């Protein structure tokens, strides 16, 4: 069925999160019907102010009744689960079940389930990867038209804008400075929007969407220093402290769920020893251009930070 920018209803979950704004910047100018999911009152209010023409819905995606209402009448879904949530796998199952039920209704307009997963879900030592592996399998066996997108470690998490404000900038690294292949939100959002735009071309595909080949973190720090015009020093945070900070950040609480604590520990241990590697080849193919380089991203991010100041 052809894409209909006027009548197709697109659902974007976790719309106030880190990924969705970079997708929405491409969807909003074309798609007239957007439904944005949020979990909190504050997120709902923020989304209504940012996207006044969109339908904003507060819903618990782990609740079957609310999930069913969330997908009602949609043509395509961008599904990203809250990473490190203690019930992330079950939440994925619930949303897929809701989409299957919606697709089976008489006259259903449902066409496409796009899942934002993570690079290399085979890495079982990483609990946050492993739970997405189960969701991927469940989606593959659901009978839905699906596309699975697999981003890597997001370069946008590197605090270059914050470092630019410091007189003597210090990067407090939560793990050893190993090599990582990075994705950028800018590349990823554009690639995801293209998947929605071309729809059938991407049915049943899995795309590892990485912007760079492996880059050692010391080179990331050095490039940040060039972009802000100051030397950036590095301080590796002790493991116990880094784990506590990560668990609190992922949970949004000073008393994290034990499962979130476990996942944070395993992630930091893995990053300390191995890093995360991938190839930008698929991203380049999808975008039909070279992905952002480390230098480009640093320069652009620092310029935007200075302009906003």
Foldseek 3Di string as FASTA:
>chain_A
DADDQEQAEEEEEPCVDDQNVLQCVLSVVRHQEYEYEDADPVSQVVCCVVPVSYHYDHADLLDLVRLLVRCAQHAEYEDEFQFLDPCRLSSLLSNLVSLLVQVPDVPRNHAEYEYEAAPPLVPVLQVSSVSSVNSVVSNLPSPGFYEYEHFYAAPVVQPLLVQLPDPAAEGAAQADQAWAFHAYSNLVSLLVNLCVNVPVVRTPYYYYATQGFIDGNVVLQVLSCVQSVHRYHYHYDDNVVSLQVQQCVSQVHNDGDVSSSSNSSSVRVCCNVPYYGDDNPRSCVSNVHRGDDSNRVSNVVNVVSVVVD
